Every structure is written in C-alpha cells, then in structure tokens.
C-alpha atoms as a PDB file:
ATOM      1  CA  MET A   1       0.038  -0.059   0.034  1.00  0.00           C
ATOM      2  CA  GLY A   2       1.279   3.453  -1.062  1.00  0.00           C
ATOM      3  CA  ILE A   3       2.182   5.648   2.158  1.00  0.00           C
ATOM      4  CA  ALA A   4      -0.096   8.629   0.869  1.00  0.00           C
ATOM      5  CA  LEU A   5      -2.846   6.067   0.528  1.00  0.00           C
ATOM      6  CA  TYR A   6      -2.184   4.579   3.880  1.00  0.00           C
ATOM      7  CA  GLY A   7      -2.655   8.158   5.446  1.00  0.00           C
ATOM      8  CA  LEU A   8      -5.474   8.912   3.606  1.00  0.00           C
ATOM      9  CA  ILE A   9      -7.543   5.572   4.627  1.00  0.00           C
ATOM     10  CA  ALA A  10      -6.529   6.458   8.276  1.00  0.00           C
ATOM     11  CA  PHE A  11      -7.763   9.856   8.095  1.00  0.00           C
ATOM     12  CA  MET A  12     -11.121   8.690   6.397  1.00  0.00           C
ATOM     13  CA  ILE A  13     -11.708   6.111   9.180  1.00  0.00           C
ATOM     14  CA  ILE A  14     -10.965   8.427  11.994  1.00  0.00           C
ATOM     15  CA  PHE A  15     -12.979  11.340  10.640  1.00  0.00           C
ATOM     16  CA  SER A  16     -15.800   9.187   9.757  1.00  0.00           C
ATOM     17  CA  GLY A  17     -16.071   8.138  13.507  1.00  0.00           C
ATOM     18  CA  ALA A  18     -16.702  11.831  14.236  1.00  0.00           C
ATOM     19  CA  MET A  19     -19.514  11.991  11.523  1.00  0.00           C
ATOM     20  CA  VAL A  20     -20.960   8.847  12.884  1.00  0.00           C
ATOM     21  CA  GLY A  21     -20.780  10.525  16.521  1.00  0.00           C
ATOM     22  CA  PHE A  22     -22.677  13.631  15.209  1.00  0.00           C
ATOM     23  CA  LEU A  23     -25.436  11.312  13.604  1.00  0.00           C
ATOM     24  CA  LEU A  24     -25.695   9.152  16.629  1.00  0.00           C
ATOM     25  CA  GLY A  25     -25.931  12.322  18.839  1.00  0.00           C
ATOM     26  CA  ARG A  26     -28.839  13.825  16.911  1.00  0.00           C
ATOM     27  CA  LEU A  27     -30.416  10.354  17.231  1.00  0.00           C
ATOM     28  CA  MET A  28     -29.767   9.839  20.962  1.00  0.00           C
ATOM     29  CA  PRO A  29     -32.577  10.080  23.336  1.00  0.00           C
ATOM     30  CA  GLU A  30     -32.487  13.128  25.578  1.00  0.00           C
ATOM     31  CA  HIS A  31     -32.111  11.480  28.945  1.00  0.00           C
ATOM     32  CA  TYR A  32     -28.769  10.128  27.572  1.00  0.00           C
ATOM     33  CA  ARG A  33     -27.477  13.694  27.447  1.00  0.00           C
ATOM     34  CA  GLN A  34     -27.358  14.054  31.244  1.00  0.00           C
ATOM     35  CA  ASP A  35     -24.013  15.272  33.029  1.00  0.00           C
ATOM     36  CA  ALA A  36     -23.667  11.824  34.630  1.00  0.00           C
ATOM     37  CA  THR A  37     -23.750   9.950  31.279  1.00  0.00           C
ATOM     38  CA  ARG A  38     -21.517  12.460  29.610  1.00  0.00           C
ATOM     39  CA  ARG A  39     -18.916  12.140  32.431  1.00  0.00           C
ATOM     40  CA  ILE A  40     -18.859   8.256  32.161  1.00  0.00           C
ATOM     41  CA  VAL A  41     -18.424   8.518  28.549  1.00  0.00           C
ATOM     42  CA  GLN A  42     -15.662  11.042  28.682  1.00  0.00           C
ATOM     43  CA  THR A  43     -13.998   9.125  31.438  1.00  0.00           C
ATOM     44  CA  SER A  44     -14.079   5.863  29.481  1.00  0.00           C
ATOM     45  CA  MET A  45     -12.786   7.491  26.293  1.00  0.00           C
ATOM     46  CA  GLY A  46     -10.124   9.145  28.448  1.00  0.00           C
ATOM     47  CA  MET A  47      -8.630   5.719  29.097  1.00  0.00           C
ATOM     48  CA  VAL A  48      -8.814   4.939  25.158  1.00  0.00           C
ATOM     49  CA  SER A  49      -7.038   8.286  24.579  1.00  0.00           C
ATOM     50  CA  LEU A  50      -4.207   7.585  26.787  1.00  0.00           C
ATOM     51  CA  LEU A  51      -3.746   4.092  25.498  1.00  0.00           C
ATOM     52  CA  SER A  52      -3.925   5.508  21.883  1.00  0.00           C
ATOM     53  CA  ALA A  53      -1.222   8.064  22.925  1.00  0.00           C
ATOM     54  CA  LEU A  54       1.015   5.412  24.326  1.00  0.00           C
ATOM     55  CA  VAL A  55       0.840   3.153  21.316  1.00  0.00           C
ATOM     56  CA  LEU A  56       1.286   5.816  18.982  1.00  0.00           C
ATOM     57  CA  GLY A  57       4.359   6.956  20.789  1.00  0.00           C
ATOM     58  CA  LEU A  58       5.663   3.437  20.542  1.00  0.00           C
ATOM     59  CA  LEU A  59       4.969   3.257  17.016  1.00  0.00           C
ATOM     60  CA  VAL A  60       6.719   6.439  16.336  1.00  0.00           C
ATOM     61  CA  ALA A  61       9.852   5.517  18.406  1.00  0.00           C
ATOM     62  CA  THR A  62      10.105   2.158  16.675  1.00  0.00           C
ATOM     63  CA  ALA A  63       9.859   3.585  13.107  1.00  0.00           C
ATOM     64  CA  LYS A  64      12.421   6.488  14.117  1.00  0.00           C
ATOM     65  CA  ASN A  65      14.896   3.859  15.490  1.00  0.00           C
ATOM     66  CA  LYS A  66      14.790   1.804  12.294  1.00  0.00           C
ATOM     67  CA  PHE A  67      15.288   5.001  10.140  1.00  0.00           C
ATOM     68  CA  ASP A  68      18.175   6.101  12.378  1.00  0.00           C
ATOM     69  CA  THR A  69      19.887   2.800  12.329  1.00  0.00           C
ATOM     70  CA  THR A  70      19.458   2.254   8.577  1.00  0.00           C
ATOM     71  CA  ASN A  71      21.053   5.793   7.961  1.00  0.00           C
ATOM     72  CA  LYS A  72      23.899   4.974  10.189  1.00  0.00           C
ATOM     73  CA  GLN A  73      24.453   1.867   8.320  1.00  0.00           C
ATOM     74  CA  ILE A  74      24.580   3.631   5.008  1.00  0.00           C
ATOM     75  CA  GLU A  75      27.132   6.070   6.403  1.00  0.00           C
ATOM     76  CA  GLU A  76      29.515   3.281   7.749  1.00  0.00           C
ATOM     77  CA  PHE A  77      28.956   1.302   4.564  1.00  0.00           C
ATOM     78  CA  ALA A  78      30.000   4.363   2.407  1.00  0.00           C
ATOM     79  CA  ALA A  79      33.204   4.799   4.722  1.00  0.00           C
ATOM     80  CA  ASN A  80      34.167   1.196   4.409  1.00  0.00           C
ATOM     81  CA  LEU A  81      33.712   1.312   0.739  1.00  0.00           C
ATOM     82  CA  MET A  82      36.285   4.256   0.490  1.00  0.00           C
ATOM     83  CA  TRP A  83      38.640   2.569   3.004  1.00  0.00           C
ATOM     84  CA  LEU A  84      38.639  -0.627   1.084  1.00  0.00           C
ATOM     85  CA  ASP A  85      39.333   1.401  -2.038  1.00  0.00           C
ATOM     86  CA  ARG A  86      42.274   2.965  -0.273  1.00  0.00           C
ATOM     87  CA  GLU A  87      43.729  -0.339   0.928  1.00  0.00           C
ATOM     88  CA  LEU A  88      43.634  -2.026  -2.519  1.00  0.00           C
ATOM     89  CA  ILE A  89      45.512   1.093  -3.918  1.00  0.00           C
ATOM     90  CA  ASN A  90      48.058   0.589  -1.086  1.00  0.00           C
ATOM     91  CA  TYR A  91      48.382  -3.022  -1.718  1.00  0.00           C
ATOM     92  CA  GLY A  92      49.714  -2.454  -5.427  1.00  0.00           C
ATOM     93  CA  GLU A  93      48.986  -3.509  -8.755  1.00  0.00           C
ATOM     94  CA  ASP A  94      47.104  -6.544  -7.843  1.00  0.00           C
ATOM     95  CA  GLY A  95      44.982  -4.698  -5.492  1.00  0.00           C
ATOM     96  CA  LYS A  96      44.249  -2.049  -7.990  1.00  0.00           C
ATOM     97  CA  ALA A  97      43.029  -4.654 -10.438  1.00  0.00           C
ATOM     98  CA  ILE A  98      40.107  -5.399  -8.110  1.00  0.00           C
ATOM     99  CA  THR A  99      38.824  -1.730  -7.993  1.00  0.00           C
ATOM    100  CA  PRO A 100      36.790  -1.919 -11.155  1.00  0.00           C
ATOM    101  CA  LEU A 101      34.815  -4.739  -9.746  1.00  0.00           C
ATOM    102  CA  LEU A 102      34.473  -2.517  -6.533  1.00  0.00           C
ATOM    103  CA  LYS A 103      33.275   0.090  -8.475  1.00  0.00           C
ATOM    104  CA  GLN A 104      30.526  -2.009 -10.327  1.00  0.00           C
ATOM    105  CA  PHE A 105      29.449  -3.263  -6.734  1.00  0.00           C
ATOM    106  CA  ALA A 106      29.097   0.276  -5.596  1.00  0.00           C
ATOM    107  CA  LEU A 107      27.084   1.310  -8.655  1.00  0.00           C
ATOM    108  CA  SER A 108      24.867  -1.853  -8.319  1.00  0.00           C
ATOM    109  CA  LYS A 109      24.407  -1.247  -4.670  1.00  0.00           C
ATOM    110  CA  LEU A 110      23.410   2.514  -5.255  1.00  0.00           C
ATOM    111  CA  ALA A 111      20.802   1.291  -8.015  1.00  0.00           C
ATOM    112  CA  ALA A 112      19.515  -1.327  -5.744  1.00  0.00           C
ATOM    113  CA  SER A 113      18.856   1.117  -2.673  1.00  0.00           C
ATOM    114  CA  TRP A 114      17.701   4.075  -4.803  1.00  0.00           C
ATOM    115  CA  PRO A 115      16.389   2.991  -8.067  1.00  0.00           C
ATOM    116  CA  GLN A 116      14.812   6.395  -8.626  1.00  0.00           C
ATOM    117  CA  ASN A 117      18.263   7.820  -8.645  1.00  0.00           C
ATOM    118  CA  ALA A 118      19.953   5.482 -10.673  1.00  0.00           C
ATOM    119  CA  GLU A 119      21.246   6.005 -14.126  1.00  0.00           C
ATOM    120  CA  PRO A 120      20.793   3.370 -16.721  1.00  0.00           C
ATOM    121  CA  ARG A 121      23.818   1.023 -17.103  1.00  0.00           C
ATOM    122  CA  PRO A 122      23.603  -1.488 -19.996  1.00  0.00           C
ATOM    123  CA  GLY A 123      24.777  -4.962 -18.926  1.00  0.00           C
ATOM    124  CA  ALA A 124      25.489  -3.774 -15.394  1.00  0.00           C
ATOM    125  CA  ASP A 125      22.451  -5.603 -13.852  1.00  0.00           C
ATOM    126  CA  ALA A 126      23.694  -9.169 -14.808  1.00  0.00           C
ATOM    127  CA  LEU A 127      24.576  -9.948 -11.159  1.00  0.00           C
ATOM    128  CA  PRO A 128      22.980  -8.664  -8.012  1.00  0.00           C
ATOM    129  CA  SER A 129      24.942  -6.468  -5.629  1.00  0.00           C
ATOM    130  CA  TRP A 130      25.417  -9.237  -2.996  1.00  0.00           C
ATOM    131  CA  ARG A 131      26.966 -11.627  -5.785  1.00  0.00           C
ATOM    132  CA  LEU A 132      29.427  -8.646  -6.816  1.00  0.00           C
ATOM    133  CA  LEU A 133      30.505  -8.120  -3.336  1.00  0.00           C
ATOM    134  CA  GLU A 134      31.133 -11.940  -3.013  1.00  0.00           C
ATOM    135  CA  ASN A 135      33.232 -11.627  -6.053  1.00  0.00           C
ATOM    136  CA  VAL A 136      35.355  -8.838  -4.599  1.00  0.00           C
ATOM    137  CA  GLN A 137      35.783 -10.773  -1.367  1.00  0.00           C
ATOM    138  CA  GLN A 138      36.982 -13.854  -3.263  1.00  0.00           C
ATOM    139  CA  LYS A 139      39.508 -11.814  -5.270  1.00  0.00           C
ATOM    140  CA  VAL A 140      40.882 -10.079  -2.138  1.00  0.00           C
ATOM    141  CA  ARG A 141      41.302 -13.468  -0.453  1.00  0.00           C
ATOM    142  CA  ALA A 142      43.078 -14.671  -3.566  1.00  0.00           C
ATOM    143  CA  LEU A 143      45.762 -12.077  -3.268  1.00  0.00           C
ATOM    144  CA  ALA A 144      49.404 -13.343  -2.247  1.00  0.00           C
ATOM    145  CA  PRO A 145      51.178 -10.546  -0.221  1.00  0.00           C
ATOM    146  CA  GLN A 146      55.089 -10.438  -0.639  1.00  0.00           C
ATOM    147  CA  THR A 147      55.712  -7.705   1.997  1.00  0.00           C
ATOM    148  CA  ASP A 148      54.659  -6.552   5.308  1.00  0.00           C
ATOM    149  CA  ALA A 149      52.922  -3.530   3.939  1.00  0.00           C
ATOM    150  CA  GLN A 150      50.931  -5.748   1.578  1.00  0.00           C
ATOM    151  CA  ARG A 151      50.201  -8.251   4.422  1.00  0.00           C
ATOM    152  CA  SER A 152      48.872  -5.300   6.391  1.00  0.00           C
ATOM    153  CA  ALA A 153      46.900  -3.814   3.653  1.00  0.00           C
ATOM    154  CA  LEU A 154      45.393  -7.424   2.827  1.00  0.00           C
ATOM    155  CA  THR A 155      44.513  -7.852   6.526  1.00  0.00           C
ATOM    156  CA  ASN A 156      42.631  -4.468   6.554  1.00  0.00           C
ATOM    157  CA  ALA A 157      40.860  -5.305   3.287  1.00  0.00           C
ATOM    158  CA  LEU A 158      39.577  -8.501   4.592  1.00  0.00           C
ATOM    159  CA  GLU A 159      38.310  -7.114   7.578  1.00  0.00           C
ATOM    160  CA  ILE A 160      36.453  -4.459   5.462  1.00  0.00           C
ATOM    161  CA  THR A 161      34.931  -6.818   3.065  1.00  0.00           C
ATOM    162  CA  ASN A 162      33.589  -8.812   5.997  1.00  0.00           C
ATOM    163  CA  GLU A 163      31.991  -5.839   7.390  1.00  0.00           C
ATOM    164  CA  LEU A 164      30.420  -4.913   4.039  1.00  0.00           C
ATOM    165  CA  ASN A 165      29.080  -8.415   3.478  1.00  0.00           C
ATOM    166  CA  LYS A 166      27.593  -8.397   6.891  1.00  0.00           C
ATOM    167  CA  THR A 167      25.964  -4.982   6.612  1.00  0.00           C
ATOM    168  CA  SER A 168      24.564  -6.068   3.094  1.00  0.00           C
ATOM    169  CA  TRP A 169      22.839  -9.095   4.659  1.00  0.00           C
ATOM    170  CA  LEU A 170      21.827  -7.244   7.715  1.00  0.00           C
ATOM    171  CA  GLN A 171      19.939  -4.579   5.502  1.00  0.00           C
ATOM    172  CA  ARG A 172      18.441  -7.245   3.311  1.00  0.00           C
ATOM    173  CA  ALA A 173      17.128  -9.002   6.454  1.00  0.00           C
ATOM    174  CA  GLN A 174      15.811  -5.592   7.795  1.00  0.00           C
ATOM    175  CA  GLU A 175      13.867  -4.830   4.365  1.00  0.00           C
ATOM    176  CA  SER A 176      10.522  -5.808   6.175  1.00  0.00           C
ATOM    177  CA  GLY A 177       8.775  -3.428   8.247  1.00  0.00           C
ATOM    178  CA  HIS A 178       9.520  -3.046  11.914  1.00  0.00           C
ATOM    179  CA  VAL A 179       6.313  -1.612  12.817  1.00  0.00           C
ATOM    180  CA  PRO A 180       3.707  -4.294  13.526  1.00  0.00           C
ATOM    181  CA  HIS A 181       0.613  -3.502  11.460  1.00  0.00           C
ATOM    182  CA  PRO A 182      -1.913  -5.045  14.114  1.00  0.00           C
ATOM    183  CA  PHE A 183      -0.841  -2.095  16.310  1.00  0.00           C
ATOM    184  CA  ILE A 184      -1.708   0.356  13.617  1.00  0.00           C
ATOM    185  CA  PHE A 185      -5.131  -1.302  12.756  1.00  0.00           C
ATOM    186  CA  ILE A 186      -5.971  -1.453  16.491  1.00  0.00           C
ATOM    187  CA  LEU A 187      -4.830   2.080  17.059  1.00  0.00           C
ATOM    188  CA  VAL A 188      -6.950   3.527  14.085  1.00  0.00           C
ATOM    189  CA  GLY A 189      -9.927   1.632  15.415  1.00  0.00           C
ATOM    190  CA  TRP A 190      -9.470   3.387  18.952  1.00  0.00           C
ATOM    191  CA  LEU A 191      -9.174   6.705  17.464  1.00  0.00           C
ATOM    192  CA  CYS A 192     -12.330   6.057  15.474  1.00  0.00           C
ATOM    193  CA  LEU A 193     -14.089   5.287  18.794  1.00  0.00           C
ATOM    194  CA  LEU A 194     -12.473   8.252  20.328  1.00  0.00           C
ATOM    195  CA  PHE A 195     -14.009  10.496  17.543  1.00  0.00           C
ATOM    196  CA  VAL A 196     -17.342   8.835  17.740  1.00  0.00           C
ATOM    197  CA  SER A 197     -17.466  10.071  21.426  1.00  0.00           C
ATOM    198  CA  PHE A 198     -16.209  13.430  20.429  1.00  0.00           C
ATOM    199  CA  GLY A 199     -19.247  13.678  17.957  1.00  0.00           C
ATOM    200  CA  LEU A 200     -21.851  12.415  20.445  1.00  0.00           C
ATOM    201  CA  PHE A 201     -21.963  15.532  22.625  1.00  0.00           C
ATOM    202  CA  ALA A 202     -20.339  17.960  20.321  1.00  0.00           C
ATOM    203  CA  PRO A 203     -22.560  20.807  18.890  1.00  0.00           C
ATOM    204  CA  TYR A 204     -23.190  20.246  15.190  1.00  0.00           C
ATOM    205  CA  ASN A 205     -21.704  23.532  13.724  1.00  0.00           C
ATOM    206  CA  MET A 206     -19.046  24.289  11.292  1.00  0.00           C
ATOM    207  CA  LEU A 207     -16.202  25.213  13.785  1.00  0.00           C
ATOM    208  CA  ALA A 208     -16.708  21.835  15.590  1.00  0.00           C
ATOM    209  CA  VAL A 209     -16.474  20.065  12.386  1.00  0.00           C
ATOM    210  CA  VAL A 210     -13.409  21.802  11.355  1.00  0.00           C
ATOM    211  CA  ALA A 211     -11.682  21.339  14.636  1.00  0.00           C
ATOM    212  CA  LEU A 212     -12.374  17.692  14.451  1.00  0.00           C
ATOM    213  CA  LEU A 213     -11.084  17.659  10.794  1.00  0.00           C
ATOM    214  CA  ILE A 214      -7.804  19.143  11.734  1.00  0.00           C
ATOM    215  CA  CYS A 215      -7.430  16.725  14.573  1.00  0.00           C
ATOM    216  CA  ALA A 216      -8.195  13.711  12.399  1.00  0.00           C
ATOM    217  CA  ALA A 217      -5.780  15.023   9.785  1.00  0.00           C
ATOM    218  CA  SER A 218      -3.041  15.450  12.487  1.00  0.00           C
ATOM    219  CA  LEU A 219      -3.484  11.910  13.559  1.00  0.00           C
ATOM    220  CA  ALA A 220      -3.320  10.470  10.222  1.00  0.00           C
ATOM    221  CA  GLY A 221      -0.377  12.548   9.475  1.00  0.00           C
ATOM    222  CA  ALA A 222       1.336  10.919  12.547  1.00  0.00           C
ATOM    223  CA  LEU A 223       0.381   7.540  11.083  1.00  0.00           C
ATOM    224  CA  THR A 224       1.620   8.159   7.755  1.00  0.00           C
ATOM    225  CA  LEU A 225       4.960   9.422   9.389  1.00  0.00           C
ATOM    226  CA  VAL A 226       5.330   6.190  11.159  1.00  0.00           C
ATOM    227  CA  ALA A 227       4.667   4.171   7.828  1.00  0.00           C
ATOM    228  CA  ASP A 228       7.103   6.494   6.062  1.00  0.00           C
ATOM    229  CA  MET A 229       9.977   6.122   8.347  1.00  0.00           C
ATOM    230  CA  ASP A 230       9.436   2.320   8.407  1.00  0.00           C
ATOM    231  CA  ARG A 231      10.474   2.269   4.886  1.00  0.00           C
ATOM    232  CA  PRO A 232      13.449   4.311   4.934  1.00  0.00           C
ATOM    233  CA  PHE A 233      14.361   4.128   1.114  1.00  0.00           C
ATOM    234  CA  GLU A 234      11.012   5.291  -0.282  1.00  0.00           C
ATOM    235  CA  GLY A 235       8.208   7.702   0.516  1.00  0.00           C
ATOM    236  CA  PHE A 236       8.413  11.405   1.517  1.00  0.00           C
ATOM    237  CA  ILE A 237      10.985  11.095   4.143  1.00  0.00           C
ATOM    238  CA  THR A 238      14.023   8.939   2.721  1.00  0.00           C
ATOM    239  CA  ILE A 239      17.406   8.227   3.652  1.00  0.00           C
ATOM    240  CA  SER A 240      20.010  10.257   1.579  1.00  0.00           C
ATOM    241  CA  SER A 241      22.125   8.535  -1.042  1.00  0.00           C
ATOM    242  CA  GLN A 242      24.712  11.248  -0.639  1.00  0.00           C
ATOM    243  CA  PRO A 243      27.182   9.314   1.461  1.00  0.00           C
ATOM    244  CA  LEU A 244      27.256   6.377  -0.933  1.00  0.00           C
ATOM    245  CA  GLN A 245      27.449   8.860  -3.792  1.00  0.00           C
ATOM    246  CA  ASP A 246      30.526  10.498  -2.283  1.00  0.00           C
ATOM    247  CA  GLY A 247      31.990   7.079  -1.648  1.00  0.00           C
ATOM    248  CA  LEU A 248      31.574   6.296  -5.374  1.00  0.00           C
ATOM    249  CA  ALA A 249      33.237   9.316  -6.399  1.00  0.00           C
ATOM    250  CA  VAL A 250      36.243   8.659  -4.202  1.00  0.00           C
ATOM    251  CA  ILE A 251      36.467   5.146  -5.673  1.00  0.00           C
ATOM    252  CA  MET A 252      36.054   6.294  -9.277  1.00  0.00           C
ATOM    253  CA  SER A 253      38.713   9.293  -8.879  1.00  0.00           C
ATOM    254  CA  PRO A 254      42.039   8.402 -10.219  1.00  0.00           C
END
C-alpha cells in the first residue's frame, strides 16, 4: 500500500468516526445527554485516549529507531567502501586490479537502494550487488602478499569486506517493516471510537467539524509518518544517498 494512500485511509476512518458520532448524537434520546452519562463516556474515552497516545508514541519511536539505524549503516557502508578502495590501492597493482569490480558493486548497490536516482547502465544488472560483493571478497582472499605492507593492507581489506558483507545481509534482513501492522489497525480503531465519542456531545456547527477535521488530519499525518519512516528508502522522508555517492566518487577518482 502506498504511504499517501495509507494516511488517506487512516484519515477517512478516523474522521468518519466523528461523523457517526454527530449522527448518533442527533438520534440519541434526551435522557442520555445528562451530565452523569457525559462524564462516564468522557472518562471511558479518556482511557482509550491514553492508550492511543502510548501506542502511537511506541510506533513513532520504533519507526524512528529503524530509520536512524539504517541511516547509520549507510554512512558506515560508504566509509568502508572508501577505506577498502584505499587499502586495495596501497596493496599495489594486484589490488588496483580489483577496484573496477568494487566500482561495479558500488554502482549496483546504489541502484538497488535508490532505483529512482540510478542511471541506466547497460549490462551492469547481470549480477545482484551481493554477488558482486562476494566476487570482490573472493579476489581479495586470492591475493598473495609479498611484503609486510601488503600483508597489513590485505588484513585490513579482508576485515572491511567482511563488514560490508555483514551489513549487506543485515540490510536485506531488515527490509521488512519493523512496525507491527496489527498495532496500527487497533490504534486506528481506537481513534475512530474516540472520535465517535467526540461527536456524540459536540454541537453540530462548522467550527466543531473543522476542529475535528484538523485533529483527524493530524493523527493521520502521524500514522503516515510512522509508515514512511518504516520504509527508509521510499516515501516522503528517505535516507540520503549522498554518503554512498560520495564514496563512489572517491572510488572512481584516479
């Protein structure tokens, strides 16, 4: 489901609760409008409001944590790419021979994570990025160092390729959303009931409708924000590809 559609559906469900409340309020017998009845309804819905606030805060924190974690992984990934490139260059001619494959991997990774920003590369999509990284790792392992400097560079290069491989598979495992969808469905139901209670005793005038409309839009916006941050590579708020592009520029530099 698209993120914008996600928010629109949430808004329609929540605001429809207010409209149902207005309708029920007009049809409700007069003796239900007593202060005692109003207080018990408001107290009960206060508990629902508190639970809704707690769950919404939990969902925002979970989505924000995933977004920040993924952003940090991308920055470390780009730094490791640049470091690996320098170690291969420091190794010597045999190490420099691996850099074209490293460039191909970086381009493939950039295209896989941000397809909307990728430039067409004929024949470059023959292998997935994880396979290209394994090829880089195999070629690094095949190097035969002759000097202490080469052995040091090879040790660092192997360590970096292991980190790149680990991060790549970790990101793939984290592609699915971290926010439990049943939480969101239950939260939307609670908010709908809450708005029904608002409409029951609210005066039916334009100001009351506009106030509930703004409140419903704000809550739907918060849910949209949760769904957006839970998909860090798509939507309105996305992780910047600049660190990886900067790393690619360093790799491609002479």
